[in-house]
Amino acid sequence: MLSPHEVATLMLIKDASDEPELDRADLDALLEHQLVTLERIDSGRPRPCITARGGAVLNAIARIR
């Protein structure tokens, strides 16, 4: 189960056009649950990206609101 902070972090990653400031513990939890991956961008820095599984979680949350 995800904490409210982890859900908020997942939403930030999905909606961010640039690199948002993220809590490392929340990001690590999302990586562990395979809801995000880290992809290298042109600058060589890793950028979190939503996985299909992460998108499914967000869709499920949107349906119950």
C-alpha atoms as a PDB file:
ATOM      1  CA  MET A   1       0.000   0.000   0.000  1.00  0.00           C
ATOM      2  CA  LEU A   2       1.249   3.477  -0.846  1.00  0.00           C
ATOM      3  CA  SER A   3       1.413   6.330   1.620  1.00  0.00           C
ATOM      4  CA  PRO A   4      -0.287   9.629   0.752  1.00  0.00           C
ATOM      5  CA  HIS A   5       3.175  11.130   0.166  1.00  0.00           C
ATOM      6  CA  GLU A   6       4.063   8.368  -2.289  1.00  0.00           C
ATOM      7  CA  VAL A   7       0.789   8.875  -4.178  1.00  0.00           C
ATOM      8  CA  ALA A   8       1.458  12.615  -4.324  1.00  0.00           C
ATOM      9  CA  THR A   9       4.988  11.943  -5.599  1.00  0.00           C
ATOM     10  CA  LEU A  10       3.611   9.626  -8.284  1.00  0.00           C
ATOM     11  CA  MET A  11       1.202  12.365  -9.368  1.00  0.00           C
ATOM     12  CA  LEU A  12       4.003  14.952  -9.439  1.00  0.00           C
ATOM     13  CA  ILE A  13       6.148  12.729 -11.629  1.00  0.00           C
ATOM     14  CA  LYS A  14       3.263  12.163 -14.049  1.00  0.00           C
ATOM     15  CA  ASP A  15       2.399  15.847 -14.377  1.00  0.00           C
ATOM     16  CA  ALA A  16       5.883  17.394 -14.237  1.00  0.00           C
ATOM     17  CA  SER A  17       7.224  18.964 -17.401  1.00  0.00           C
ATOM     18  CA  ASP A  18      10.607  19.530 -15.773  1.00  0.00           C
ATOM     19  CA  GLU A  19      12.413  17.826 -12.905  1.00  0.00           C
ATOM     20  CA  PRO A  20      10.351  18.211  -9.721  1.00  0.00           C
ATOM     21  CA  GLU A  21      11.956  18.209  -6.279  1.00  0.00           C
ATOM     22  CA  LEU A  22      11.128  14.785  -4.877  1.00  0.00           C
ATOM     23  CA  ASP A  23      11.593  13.158  -1.514  1.00  0.00           C
ATOM     24  CA  ARG A  24      14.159  10.415  -2.016  1.00  0.00           C
ATOM     25  CA  ALA A  25      12.401   7.957   0.325  1.00  0.00           C
ATOM     26  CA  ASP A  26       9.135   8.332  -1.609  1.00  0.00           C
ATOM     27  CA  LEU A  27      10.941   7.922  -4.927  1.00  0.00           C
ATOM     28  CA  ASP A  28      12.724   4.809  -3.644  1.00  0.00           C
ATOM     29  CA  ALA A  29       9.388   3.292  -2.577  1.00  0.00           C
ATOM     30  CA  LEU A  30       7.902   3.962  -6.023  1.00  0.00           C
ATOM     31  CA  LEU A  31      10.944   2.388  -7.670  1.00  0.00           C
ATOM     32  CA  GLU A  32      10.642  -0.648  -5.386  1.00  0.00           C
ATOM     33  CA  HIS A  33       6.956  -1.060  -6.328  1.00  0.00           C
ATOM     34  CA  GLN A  34       7.938  -0.674 -10.009  1.00  0.00           C
ATOM     35  CA  LEU A  35       5.618   2.322 -10.425  1.00  0.00           C
ATOM     36  CA  VAL A  36       8.405   4.513 -11.829  1.00  0.00           C
ATOM     37  CA  THR A  37      11.724   4.001 -13.576  1.00  0.00           C
ATOM     38  CA  LEU A  38      14.738   6.263 -13.834  1.00  0.00           C
ATOM     39  CA  GLU A  39      15.691   7.207 -17.385  1.00  0.00           C
ATOM     40  CA  ARG A  40      18.721   9.224 -18.411  1.00  0.00           C
ATOM     41  CA  ILE A  41      17.984  12.516 -20.134  1.00  0.00           C
ATOM     42  CA  ASP A  42      20.318  14.480 -22.400  1.00  0.00           C
ATOM     43  CA  SER A  43      22.118  16.075 -19.460  1.00  0.00           C
ATOM     44  CA  GLY A  44      22.969  12.594 -18.164  1.00  0.00           C
ATOM     45  CA  ARG A  45      20.890  13.044 -15.039  1.00  0.00           C
ATOM     46  CA  PRO A  46      18.278  10.409 -14.201  1.00  0.00           C
ATOM     47  CA  ARG A  47      14.643  11.486 -14.569  1.00  0.00           C
ATOM     48  CA  PRO A  48      11.775   9.516 -13.036  1.00  0.00           C
ATOM     49  CA  CYS A  49       9.140   8.257 -15.499  1.00  0.00           C
ATOM     50  CA  ILE A  50       5.824   6.559 -14.792  1.00  0.00           C
ATOM     51  CA  THR A  51       5.609   2.878 -15.747  1.00  0.00           C
ATOM     52  CA  ALA A  52       2.470   1.216 -17.103  1.00  0.00           C
ATOM     53  CA  ARG A  53       1.885  -0.138 -13.614  1.00  0.00           C
ATOM     54  CA  GLY A  54       2.207   3.371 -12.139  1.00  0.00           C
ATOM     55  CA  GLY A  55      -0.257   4.695 -14.700  1.00  0.00           C
ATOM     56  CA  ALA A  56      -2.714   1.938 -13.779  1.00  0.00           C
ATOM     57  CA  VAL A  57      -2.467   2.918 -10.104  1.00  0.00           C
ATOM     58  CA  LEU A  58      -3.184   6.556 -10.932  1.00  0.00           C
ATOM     59  CA  ASN A  59      -6.131   5.550 -13.135  1.00  0.00           C
ATOM     60  CA  ALA A  60      -7.549   3.425 -10.318  1.00  0.00           C
ATOM     61  CA  ILE A  61      -7.212   6.323  -7.866  1.00  0.00           C
ATOM     62  CA  ALA A  62      -8.952   8.655 -10.322  1.00  0.00           C
ATOM     63  CA  ARG A  63     -11.906   6.247 -10.590  1.00  0.00           C
ATOM     64  CA  ILE A  64     -12.550   6.170  -6.847  1.00  0.00           C
ATOM     65  CA  ARG A  65     -12.514   9.929  -6.305  1.00  0.00           C
END
